[in-house]
Amino acid sequence: MTNSNMLIHLAAQAEARGSDLVTLRALIEEASDLGAARALARLGLSDDSAAKDMAELRELLSAWRDAKTTVRKAVLGWLVRGALALLLVGLAVRLGLSELIAR
């Protein structure tokens, strides 16, 4: 019996017998399974290679995050080095050591 048929059967059973807790739970479970299967199918993740595809996407996302972190650290390092270089040049000019800079 497919999920759709099971859902139709449970809905008819709930209507005929009244809604006891077991029937309602079974109805909710079948409806959620059917909804999840439809959502995965719409996303193109209902085939056998979906788990492999998701693992590859997670790996790619992790690599992207690592690359962003590395770039941020590199740019921050460059900015700090540039600021320190400017500070040293300003200090040398302030102390009258400009002839060392001109060489």
Protein backbone atom coordinates (compact mmCIF):
# COMPACT_ATOMS: atom_id res chain seq x y z
CA MET A 1 0.00 0.00 0.00
CA THR A 2 1.42 3.38 -0.97
CA ASN A 3 1.57 6.35 1.37
CA SER A 4 -1.27 8.09 -0.47
CA ASN A 5 -3.52 5.03 -0.23
CA MET A 6 -2.64 4.56 3.44
CA LEU A 7 -3.48 8.18 4.15
CA ILE A 8 -6.83 7.89 2.36
CA HIS A 9 -7.59 4.67 4.25
CA LEU A 10 -6.72 6.22 7.63
CA ALA A 11 -8.79 9.33 6.90
CA ALA A 12 -11.80 7.15 6.02
CA GLN A 13 -11.23 5.08 9.15
CA ALA A 14 -11.05 8.20 11.31
CA GLU A 15 -14.27 9.50 9.79
CA ALA A 16 -16.09 6.19 10.20
CA ARG A 17 -14.94 5.25 13.71
CA GLY A 18 -14.54 8.63 15.17
CA SER A 19 -11.08 9.87 15.89
CA ASP A 20 -9.40 7.84 18.59
CA LEU A 21 -5.82 8.65 19.58
CA VAL A 22 -4.23 5.72 17.74
CA THR A 23 -5.99 6.57 14.48
CA LEU A 24 -5.08 10.25 14.78
CA ARG A 25 -1.42 9.42 15.45
CA ALA A 26 -1.30 7.05 12.48
CA LEU A 27 -2.99 9.67 10.29
CA ILE A 28 -0.53 12.36 11.34
CA GLU A 29 2.45 10.04 10.83
CA GLU A 30 1.37 9.00 7.34
CA ALA A 31 0.59 12.61 6.38
CA SER A 32 4.01 13.79 7.56
CA ASP A 33 5.79 10.97 5.73
CA LEU A 34 3.91 11.78 2.55
CA GLY A 35 4.63 15.50 2.92
CA ALA A 36 8.33 14.90 3.54
CA ALA A 37 8.55 12.61 0.51
CA ARG A 38 6.87 15.25 -1.67
CA ALA A 39 9.17 17.98 -0.39
CA LEU A 40 12.27 15.87 -1.07
CA ALA A 41 10.97 15.02 -4.55
CA ARG A 42 10.42 18.71 -5.32
CA LEU A 43 13.98 19.45 -4.25
CA GLY A 44 15.29 16.62 -6.40
CA LEU A 45 16.50 14.66 -3.39
CA SER A 46 14.30 11.58 -3.65
CA ASP A 47 16.69 9.36 -5.60
CA ASP A 48 19.31 6.94 -4.30
CA SER A 49 22.22 9.35 -4.73
CA ALA A 50 20.61 12.07 -2.60
CA ALA A 51 22.60 11.17 0.52
CA LYS A 52 25.87 11.37 -1.43
CA ASP A 53 24.81 14.70 -2.95
CA MET A 54 23.99 16.14 0.48
CA ALA A 55 27.35 14.97 1.85
CA GLU A 56 29.15 16.65 -1.04
CA LEU A 57 27.17 19.86 -0.54
CA ARG A 58 28.03 19.88 3.17
CA GLU A 59 31.70 19.37 2.33
CA LEU A 60 31.59 22.19 -0.21
CA LEU A 61 29.89 24.50 2.28
CA SER A 62 32.48 23.67 4.91
CA ALA A 63 35.30 24.43 2.47
CA TRP A 64 33.64 27.75 1.56
CA ARG A 65 33.41 28.72 5.24
CA ASP A 66 37.05 27.79 5.79
CA ALA A 67 38.09 29.89 2.77
CA LYS A 68 36.12 32.90 4.04
CA THR A 69 37.75 32.61 7.46
CA THR A 70 41.22 32.37 5.91
CA VAL A 71 40.63 35.43 3.72
CA ARG A 72 39.36 37.46 6.67
CA LYS A 73 42.42 36.56 8.73
CA ALA A 74 44.78 37.41 5.85
CA VAL A 75 43.16 40.78 5.20
CA LEU A 76 43.20 41.62 8.90
CA GLY A 77 46.90 40.67 9.04
CA TRP A 78 47.69 42.89 6.07
CA LEU A 79 45.83 45.82 7.62
CA VAL A 80 47.63 45.42 10.94
CA ARG A 81 51.04 45.21 9.23
CA GLY A 82 50.24 48.31 7.13
CA ALA A 83 49.12 50.26 10.20
CA LEU A 84 52.27 49.27 12.07
CA ALA A 85 54.44 50.29 9.10
CA LEU A 86 52.73 53.68 8.95
CA LEU A 87 53.16 54.05 12.70
CA LEU A 88 56.89 53.35 12.44
CA VAL A 89 57.31 55.81 9.54
CA GLY A 90 55.41 58.47 11.50
CA LEU A 91 57.51 57.80 14.58
CA ALA A 92 60.73 58.06 12.54
CA VAL A 93 59.61 61.40 11.07
CA ARG A 94 58.58 62.66 14.49
CA LEU A 95 61.97 61.75 15.96
CA GLY A 96 63.80 63.49 13.12
CA LEU A 97 65.07 60.33 11.49
CA SER A 98 63.70 61.28 8.09
CA GLU A 99 67.14 60.94 6.50
CA LEU A 100 66.92 57.20 7.19
CA ILE A 101 63.68 57.09 5.24
CA ALA A 102 65.10 59.07 2.32
CA ARG A 103 67.91 56.58 1.75
